[in-house]
Amino acid sequence: MLTDRSAGPLSRNTAVEDEVLGRLRDLCDVGGLRDLAATIDDLVGFVRDDLAAVEEGLATLSTADSLVGEAGASLVHLGGKRLRPLCVVLASRIGSARASAVRDIAVAAELVHNATLLHDDVIDHADRRRGRPTARVELGNAASIFAGDYLLIEALHRVQRAAVPGVMEGLLETIAEMIRAESLQLENRGSLDASEDLYFQVARGKSAALFSWALGAGALSGGASPELCRALRMYGDSIGVAFQLIDDLLDLVGHHSNTGKTLFSDLSEGKITYPLIVVLDREPALVDTIRAIAAEAASSWSGHGLALSGSNGDGKANGHPDRANGAGRERERVLEAMVRHNVEATCRDLAASYIDDGIEALAEVPDGPARRALTVVARASVLRER
């Protein structure tokens, strides 16, 4: 439990429940996991005040009356799944933690995540994020890059203020791991020869590393043993990979109103993700079709192998109607092949196996509300459509 509630309970923040816990409950209902959906109802009272404290911490993010501060704060205030802060809170509840420390670490986890999004949008020439134009579109690339840097510094300040031994060192190593993964992905941008090993190496660095840190940092704040911290980091690594698998699947088969992003954006950015690796393995003749889709945006970045003409530099096909119609037909061919070869089921099954690994790692964690809640988070991650 958290130990410095002397100031009285925080006001109930129903928006937090709707955004995080309510969405998890709906996913469990739709997926037929009624028992887990019931657990969500119990979870509301367990962590609601803590999530409200995180939201209040994010709301106080200063814009410093600057363009950069505004760009960073605007993305954070658009909301999001808030799963990384939730992981921090739940891991902290396995022990006994200072509420202020948990809040600062949870806020830091969300700030680091948003910082990477601001940087990624520049690298990938992305136009939309969370259903809105990206900061780079509204304010320019420079503002988006510096806004990401600003959020990273803010995250480090909060971790420093939390003053939990080992958490700052872990975050610095996590950020370094994320940069290494981004570099690896950049080096292989546009290559249709990307292997599964490469894909999962990048997924672990880009996504799983932050989940793993969030769980480990939350556990450290609660005074958990090294064995429990290690188990929770393993859980975080597994659900992080599963989360990335579903993200990459939804980039192809999701709906833009759910994901808030343009579909096929990964391929347009020269990224060959696991669903595409699978469909190419099962239908190699699609290589030219996939190459053509990627080529529509290739002139907007300096890639290798797919850097062909045919883009206006903003990730969209040149204005000729025939070119746009051709791109649409090529996407349909890929989607039809994915249906023929059950690629969505393959990806969700693999994500589910990672979730099973994560839940197995929780065997080291004493049974209780926190462990049950982490199981819900894991199960629901595979069911999501956004």
Protein backbone atom coordinates (compact mmCIF):
# COMPACT_ATOMS: atom_id res chain seq x y z
CA MET A 1 0.00 0.00 0.00
CA LEU A 2 1.01 3.66 -0.33
CA THR A 3 1.97 5.32 2.87
CA ASP A 4 1.62 9.12 2.71
CA ARG A 5 -2.13 9.68 2.46
CA SER A 6 -2.16 12.10 5.40
CA ALA A 7 -3.24 14.98 3.19
CA GLY A 8 -6.53 13.19 2.53
CA PRO A 9 -7.84 11.33 -0.49
CA LEU A 10 -7.48 12.85 -3.89
CA SER A 11 -10.62 13.89 -5.72
CA ARG A 12 -12.12 11.14 -7.84
CA ASN A 13 -11.04 11.48 -11.45
CA THR A 14 -13.64 9.63 -13.51
CA ALA A 15 -11.84 10.53 -16.73
CA VAL A 16 -8.92 8.36 -15.62
CA GLU A 17 -11.19 5.38 -15.03
CA ASP A 18 -12.90 5.87 -18.39
CA GLU A 19 -9.60 6.15 -20.23
CA VAL A 20 -7.66 3.31 -18.60
CA LEU A 21 -9.73 0.99 -16.44
CA GLY A 22 -12.96 1.37 -18.37
CA ARG A 23 -11.22 0.48 -21.62
CA LEU A 24 -9.65 -2.61 -20.05
CA ARG A 25 -13.07 -3.69 -18.76
CA ASP A 26 -14.63 -3.28 -22.21
CA LEU A 27 -11.84 -5.30 -23.81
CA CYS A 28 -12.39 -8.13 -21.36
CA ASP A 29 -16.15 -8.07 -21.97
CA VAL A 30 -15.75 -8.14 -25.75
CA GLY A 31 -13.13 -10.88 -25.52
CA GLY A 32 -15.39 -13.07 -23.40
CA LEU A 33 -13.22 -12.72 -20.30
CA ARG A 34 -16.08 -12.00 -17.92
CA ASP A 35 -14.14 -13.02 -14.82
CA LEU A 36 -11.39 -10.56 -15.69
CA ALA A 37 -13.95 -7.85 -16.41
CA ALA A 38 -15.29 -8.33 -12.90
CA THR A 39 -11.76 -7.98 -11.57
CA ILE A 40 -11.56 -4.57 -13.26
CA ASP A 41 -14.50 -3.37 -11.17
CA ASP A 42 -12.57 -4.31 -8.03
CA LEU A 43 -9.45 -2.67 -9.45
CA VAL A 44 -11.17 0.72 -9.73
CA GLY A 45 -11.14 1.26 -5.99
CA PHE A 46 -7.66 -0.22 -5.67
CA VAL A 47 -5.76 2.25 -7.86
CA ARG A 48 -8.18 4.98 -8.86
CA ASP A 49 -6.75 7.61 -6.53
CA ASP A 50 -3.23 6.72 -7.64
CA LEU A 51 -4.13 7.12 -11.31
CA ALA A 52 -5.84 10.40 -10.47
CA ALA A 53 -2.61 11.55 -8.80
CA VAL A 54 -0.68 10.61 -11.95
CA GLU A 55 -3.14 12.53 -14.09
CA GLU A 56 -2.83 15.54 -11.84
CA GLY A 57 0.95 15.29 -12.08
CA LEU A 58 0.72 15.25 -15.87
CA ALA A 59 -1.73 18.15 -15.83
CA THR A 60 0.81 20.31 -14.00
CA LEU A 61 3.37 19.83 -16.78
CA SER A 62 4.60 23.33 -17.42
CA THR A 63 4.61 24.75 -20.94
CA ALA A 64 6.90 27.55 -19.73
CA ASP A 65 5.04 29.79 -22.20
CA SER A 66 7.16 28.33 -24.97
CA LEU A 67 6.45 26.66 -28.29
CA VAL A 68 8.44 23.61 -27.25
CA GLY A 69 6.67 23.29 -23.91
CA GLU A 70 3.31 23.68 -25.59
CA ALA A 71 4.11 20.97 -28.13
CA GLY A 72 5.15 18.52 -25.42
CA ALA A 73 2.28 19.24 -23.06
CA SER A 74 -0.32 19.15 -25.85
CA LEU A 75 0.49 15.55 -26.74
CA VAL A 76 0.52 14.45 -23.09
CA HIS A 77 -2.81 16.16 -22.43
CA LEU A 78 -4.46 14.40 -25.38
CA GLY A 79 -4.57 11.36 -23.12
CA GLY A 80 -3.63 7.85 -24.15
CA LYS A 81 -3.77 4.38 -22.72
CA ARG A 82 -1.66 5.29 -19.64
CA LEU A 83 -0.66 1.64 -19.33
CA ARG A 84 2.93 2.38 -18.34
CA PRO A 85 1.89 4.53 -15.35
CA LEU A 86 -0.64 1.86 -14.43
CA CYS A 87 2.15 -0.72 -14.44
CA VAL A 88 4.23 1.45 -12.10
CA VAL A 89 1.31 1.84 -9.70
CA LEU A 90 0.43 -1.85 -9.66
CA ALA A 91 4.04 -2.96 -9.16
CA SER A 92 4.41 -0.50 -6.27
CA ARG A 93 1.39 -2.04 -4.55
CA ILE A 94 3.23 -5.34 -4.10
CA GLY A 95 5.17 -3.62 -1.35
CA SER A 96 4.80 -0.38 0.60
CA ALA A 97 5.70 2.83 -1.20
CA ARG A 98 5.56 6.58 -0.74
CA ALA A 99 2.67 7.89 -2.84
CA SER A 100 4.72 10.87 -4.01
CA ALA A 101 7.52 8.63 -5.27
CA VAL A 102 5.10 6.37 -7.13
CA ARG A 103 3.41 9.37 -8.71
CA ASP A 104 6.70 10.85 -9.90
CA ILE A 105 7.94 7.56 -11.36
CA ALA A 106 4.60 6.86 -13.04
CA VAL A 107 4.51 10.34 -14.55
CA ALA A 108 8.08 9.87 -15.76
CA ALA A 109 7.13 6.62 -17.52
CA GLU A 110 4.38 8.41 -19.43
CA LEU A 111 6.63 11.37 -20.28
CA VAL A 112 9.35 9.12 -21.71
CA HIS A 113 6.75 7.32 -23.81
CA ASN A 114 5.39 10.59 -25.19
CA ALA A 115 8.90 11.89 -25.86
CA THR A 116 9.58 8.89 -28.09
CA LEU A 117 6.33 9.53 -29.97
CA LEU A 118 7.32 13.14 -30.69
CA HIS A 119 10.71 11.99 -31.98
CA ASP A 120 9.24 9.09 -33.96
CA ASP A 121 6.76 11.37 -35.71
CA VAL A 122 9.63 13.44 -37.11
CA ILE A 123 11.68 10.40 -38.14
CA ASP A 124 8.65 8.75 -39.75
CA HIS A 125 7.09 11.91 -41.26
CA ALA A 126 3.87 11.02 -39.43
CA ASP A 127 0.85 13.25 -39.95
CA ARG A 128 -1.53 12.03 -37.24
CA ARG A 129 -1.25 10.93 -33.64
CA ARG A 130 -4.15 10.12 -31.29
CA GLY A 131 -6.58 11.33 -33.93
CA ARG A 132 -4.98 14.75 -34.25
CA PRO A 133 -2.33 16.34 -36.50
CA THR A 134 1.11 15.66 -35.07
CA ALA A 135 3.21 18.37 -33.46
CA ARG A 136 5.58 18.31 -36.42
CA VAL A 137 2.67 19.11 -38.76
CA GLU A 138 1.27 21.89 -36.58
CA LEU A 139 4.50 23.40 -35.26
CA GLY A 140 7.34 21.96 -37.34
CA ASN A 141 9.96 19.26 -37.00
CA ALA A 142 12.28 21.29 -34.78
CA ALA A 143 9.53 22.00 -32.26
CA SER A 144 8.58 18.32 -32.14
CA ILE A 145 12.19 17.21 -31.58
CA PHE A 146 12.84 19.75 -28.83
CA ALA A 147 9.47 18.98 -27.24
CA GLY A 148 10.52 15.34 -26.99
CA ASP A 149 13.80 16.41 -25.40
CA TYR A 150 11.87 18.61 -22.97
CA LEU A 151 9.69 15.68 -21.88
CA LEU A 152 12.74 13.48 -21.35
CA ILE A 153 14.34 16.10 -19.10
CA GLU A 154 11.08 16.49 -17.19
CA ALA A 155 10.97 12.71 -16.73
CA LEU A 156 14.51 12.65 -15.36
CA HIS A 157 13.70 15.48 -12.95
CA ARG A 158 10.75 13.53 -11.58
CA VAL A 159 12.74 10.33 -11.14
CA GLN A 160 15.45 12.33 -9.39
CA ARG A 161 12.82 13.81 -7.06
CA ALA A 162 11.42 10.34 -6.31
CA ALA A 163 14.87 9.42 -4.95
CA VAL A 164 14.35 5.66 -5.11
CA PRO A 165 17.73 3.87 -5.31
CA GLY A 166 18.34 2.18 -8.65
CA VAL A 167 15.44 3.80 -10.52
CA MET A 168 17.44 6.61 -12.16
CA GLU A 169 20.20 4.24 -13.24
CA GLY A 170 17.60 1.91 -14.71
CA LEU A 171 15.91 4.72 -16.64
CA LEU A 172 19.19 5.94 -18.14
CA GLU A 173 20.00 2.42 -19.35
CA THR A 174 16.45 2.05 -20.69
CA ILE A 175 16.70 5.27 -22.71
CA ALA A 176 20.05 4.08 -24.09
CA GLU A 177 18.46 0.75 -25.05
CA MET A 178 15.62 2.54 -26.81
CA ILE A 179 18.06 4.64 -28.79
CA ARG A 180 20.03 1.55 -29.80
CA ALA A 181 16.84 -0.08 -31.06
CA GLU A 182 15.83 3.02 -33.01
CA SER A 183 19.29 3.11 -34.58
CA LEU A 184 19.02 -0.55 -35.55
CA GLN A 185 15.63 0.05 -37.12
CA LEU A 186 16.96 3.08 -39.00
CA GLU A 187 19.90 1.10 -40.37
CA ASN A 188 17.49 -1.49 -41.76
CA ARG A 189 14.86 0.93 -42.98
CA GLY A 190 13.40 -0.11 -46.29
CA SER A 191 14.87 -3.59 -46.33
CA LEU A 192 12.47 -6.38 -47.29
CA ASP A 193 14.99 -8.87 -45.94
CA ALA A 194 14.27 -8.00 -42.30
CA SER A 195 14.34 -11.13 -40.17
CA GLU A 196 12.19 -12.14 -37.24
CA ASP A 197 15.26 -11.90 -35.01
CA LEU A 198 15.80 -8.29 -36.06
CA TYR A 199 12.13 -7.44 -35.57
CA PHE A 200 12.03 -8.78 -32.02
CA GLN A 201 15.35 -7.17 -31.15
CA VAL A 202 13.88 -3.80 -32.14
CA ALA A 203 10.55 -4.51 -30.41
CA ARG A 204 12.30 -5.31 -27.15
CA GLY A 205 14.36 -2.14 -27.29
CA LYS A 206 11.66 0.24 -28.50
CA SER A 207 8.63 -0.96 -26.53
CA ALA A 208 9.39 -3.71 -24.05
CA ALA A 209 12.31 -1.90 -22.39
CA LEU A 210 10.10 0.91 -21.08
CA PHE A 211 7.42 -1.49 -19.83
CA SER A 212 10.13 -3.52 -18.11
CA TRP A 213 11.60 -0.42 -16.47
CA ALA A 214 8.16 0.79 -15.34
CA LEU A 215 7.43 -2.51 -13.59
CA GLY A 216 10.88 -2.73 -12.02
CA ALA A 217 10.84 0.90 -10.90
CA GLY A 218 7.41 0.51 -9.35
CA ALA A 219 8.58 -2.59 -7.51
CA LEU A 220 11.71 -0.81 -6.26
CA SER A 221 9.61 2.08 -4.96
CA GLY A 222 7.63 -0.41 -2.89
CA GLY A 223 10.74 -2.04 -1.46
CA ALA A 224 10.28 -5.34 -3.30
CA SER A 225 13.01 -7.95 -3.17
CA PRO A 226 15.47 -8.36 -6.06
CA GLU A 227 13.68 -11.60 -7.01
CA LEU A 228 10.31 -9.85 -7.24
CA CYS A 229 11.80 -6.93 -9.18
CA ARG A 230 13.34 -9.36 -11.66
CA ALA A 231 10.04 -11.23 -12.08
CA LEU A 232 8.16 -8.00 -12.74
CA ARG A 233 10.75 -6.82 -15.26
CA MET A 234 10.35 -10.17 -17.07
CA TYR A 235 6.59 -9.65 -17.07
CA GLY A 236 7.10 -6.15 -18.48
CA ASP A 237 9.39 -7.43 -21.23
CA SER A 238 6.81 -10.01 -22.31
CA ILE A 239 3.79 -7.71 -22.37
CA GLY A 240 5.88 -5.03 -24.10
CA VAL A 241 6.67 -7.37 -26.99
CA ALA A 242 3.02 -8.46 -27.16
CA PHE A 243 1.93 -4.84 -27.15
CA GLN A 244 4.25 -4.05 -30.09
CA LEU A 245 2.98 -7.06 -32.03
CA ILE A 246 -0.61 -5.87 -31.70
CA ASP A 247 0.38 -2.29 -32.55
CA ASP A 248 2.01 -3.46 -35.77
CA LEU A 249 -0.96 -5.64 -36.64
CA LEU A 250 -3.41 -2.76 -36.12
CA ASP A 251 -1.30 -0.59 -38.40
CA LEU A 252 -2.49 -2.90 -41.19
CA VAL A 253 -5.90 -4.20 -40.17
CA GLY A 254 -7.14 -1.60 -37.69
CA HIS A 255 -9.40 1.35 -38.38
CA HIS A 256 -7.96 4.85 -38.38
CA SER A 257 -10.80 6.09 -36.14
CA ASN A 258 -9.64 3.59 -33.51
CA THR A 259 -5.89 3.85 -33.89
CA GLY A 260 -5.76 7.59 -34.57
CA LYS A 261 -3.10 6.93 -37.22
CA THR A 262 -2.99 6.40 -40.95
CA LEU A 263 -3.07 2.70 -41.79
CA PHE A 264 -0.06 1.16 -43.53
CA SER A 265 2.02 3.95 -42.02
CA ASP A 266 4.75 1.53 -40.87
CA LEU A 267 5.29 0.25 -44.39
CA SER A 268 5.18 3.78 -45.77
CA GLU A 269 7.96 4.58 -43.31
CA GLY A 270 10.08 1.69 -44.58
CA LYS A 271 9.42 -0.56 -41.57
CA ILE A 272 8.87 -4.23 -42.26
CA THR A 273 6.92 -5.44 -39.25
CA TYR A 274 6.10 -8.96 -38.09
CA PRO A 275 2.72 -9.22 -39.91
CA LEU A 276 4.46 -8.34 -43.18
CA ILE A 277 7.29 -10.77 -42.47
CA VAL A 278 4.67 -13.50 -42.03
CA VAL A 279 2.68 -12.66 -45.16
CA LEU A 280 5.85 -12.47 -47.26
CA ASP A 281 6.98 -15.82 -45.93
CA ARG A 282 3.65 -17.40 -46.88
CA GLU A 283 3.25 -15.59 -50.19
CA PRO A 284 6.65 -14.45 -51.54
CA ALA A 285 5.07 -13.19 -54.76
CA LEU A 286 3.75 -10.20 -52.79
CA VAL A 287 7.24 -8.73 -52.58
CA ASP A 288 6.71 -6.40 -55.55
CA THR A 289 3.34 -5.23 -54.22
CA ILE A 290 4.79 -4.46 -50.80
CA ARG A 291 7.77 -2.76 -52.44
CA ALA A 292 5.41 -0.56 -54.46
CA ILE A 293 3.45 0.52 -51.36
CA ALA A 294 6.65 1.46 -49.57
CA ALA A 295 7.95 3.30 -52.63
CA GLU A 296 5.01 5.72 -52.50
CA ALA A 297 6.62 7.39 -49.50
CA ALA A 298 10.27 6.48 -49.97
CA SER A 299 11.47 9.79 -51.39
CA SER A 300 10.69 11.49 -48.07
CA TRP A 301 13.58 9.70 -46.36
CA SER A 302 17.03 8.43 -47.21
CA GLY A 303 16.51 4.68 -47.18
CA HIS A 304 18.07 1.75 -48.96
CA GLY A 305 16.58 -0.69 -51.39
CA LEU A 306 13.08 0.88 -51.48
CA ALA A 307 14.03 4.48 -52.13
CA LEU A 308 12.13 4.82 -55.39
CA SER A 309 10.39 7.80 -56.90
CA GLY A 310 6.67 8.38 -56.47
CA SER A 311 6.08 10.38 -53.32
CA ASN A 312 5.44 14.05 -52.70
CA GLY A 313 7.58 14.01 -49.55
CA ASP A 314 4.79 13.92 -46.98
CA GLY A 315 4.21 10.18 -46.99
CA LYS A 316 1.40 10.40 -49.55
CA ALA A 317 1.29 9.43 -53.19
CA ASN A 318 1.71 12.20 -55.74
CA GLY A 319 -1.58 13.78 -56.65
CA HIS A 320 -2.29 11.82 -59.85
CA PRO A 321 -5.59 9.87 -59.40
CA ASP A 322 -4.22 6.77 -61.12
CA ARG A 323 -1.33 6.63 -58.69
CA ALA A 324 -3.66 6.96 -55.69
CA ASN A 325 -5.99 4.30 -57.07
CA GLY A 326 -3.02 2.01 -57.69
CA ALA A 327 -1.82 2.42 -54.12
CA GLY A 328 -5.29 1.52 -52.87
CA ARG A 329 -5.39 -1.64 -54.95
CA GLU A 330 -1.96 -2.68 -53.72
CA ARG A 331 -3.03 -2.31 -50.12
CA GLU A 332 -6.12 -4.40 -50.83
CA ARG A 333 -3.91 -7.16 -52.25
CA VAL A 334 -1.88 -7.26 -49.06
CA LEU A 335 -4.97 -7.29 -46.85
CA GLU A 336 -6.53 -10.07 -48.92
CA ALA A 337 -3.34 -12.12 -48.60
CA MET A 338 -3.35 -11.56 -44.86
CA VAL A 339 -6.86 -13.00 -44.70
CA ARG A 340 -5.92 -15.97 -46.92
CA HIS A 341 -2.98 -16.85 -44.69
CA ASN A 342 -4.62 -16.10 -41.31
CA VAL A 343 -1.93 -13.56 -40.49
CA GLU A 344 -4.03 -11.73 -37.90
CA ALA A 345 -4.65 -14.96 -35.99
CA THR A 346 -0.95 -15.82 -36.23
CA CYS A 347 0.04 -12.45 -34.75
CA ARG A 348 -2.55 -12.51 -31.99
CA ASP A 349 -1.63 -16.09 -31.09
CA LEU A 350 2.04 -15.15 -30.84
CA ALA A 351 1.19 -12.09 -28.75
CA ALA A 352 -0.91 -14.35 -26.50
CA SER A 353 2.07 -16.67 -26.02
CA TYR A 354 4.16 -13.72 -24.86
CA ILE A 355 1.34 -12.78 -22.49
CA ASP A 356 1.38 -16.33 -21.11
CA ASP A 357 5.12 -15.98 -20.50
CA GLY A 358 4.54 -12.70 -18.69
CA ILE A 359 1.80 -14.14 -16.49
CA GLU A 360 4.01 -17.13 -15.73
CA ALA A 361 6.68 -14.72 -14.50
CA LEU A 362 4.12 -13.37 -12.02
CA ALA A 363 4.21 -16.72 -10.21
CA GLU A 364 6.97 -15.16 -8.09
CA VAL A 365 4.59 -12.40 -7.00
CA PRO A 366 2.37 -13.01 -3.95
CA ASP A 367 -1.28 -13.49 -4.82
CA GLY A 368 -3.37 -10.39 -4.25
CA PRO A 369 -5.10 -7.49 -6.01
CA ALA A 370 -1.90 -6.23 -7.70
CA ARG A 371 -1.04 -9.59 -9.22
CA ARG A 372 -4.62 -10.14 -10.38
CA ALA A 373 -4.71 -6.68 -11.90
CA LEU A 374 -1.46 -7.26 -13.78
CA THR A 375 -3.00 -10.43 -15.20
CA VAL A 376 -5.96 -8.39 -16.45
CA VAL A 377 -3.68 -5.81 -18.06
CA ALA A 378 -1.77 -8.56 -19.83
CA ARG A 379 -4.83 -10.44 -21.12
CA ALA A 380 -6.60 -7.30 -22.28
CA SER A 381 -3.55 -6.07 -24.23
CA VAL A 382 -3.99 -8.84 -26.82
CA LEU A 383 -7.67 -8.01 -27.32
CA ARG A 384 -7.33 -4.31 -28.02
CA GLU A 385 -8.30 -2.66 -31.29
CA ARG A 386 -6.50 0.66 -30.74
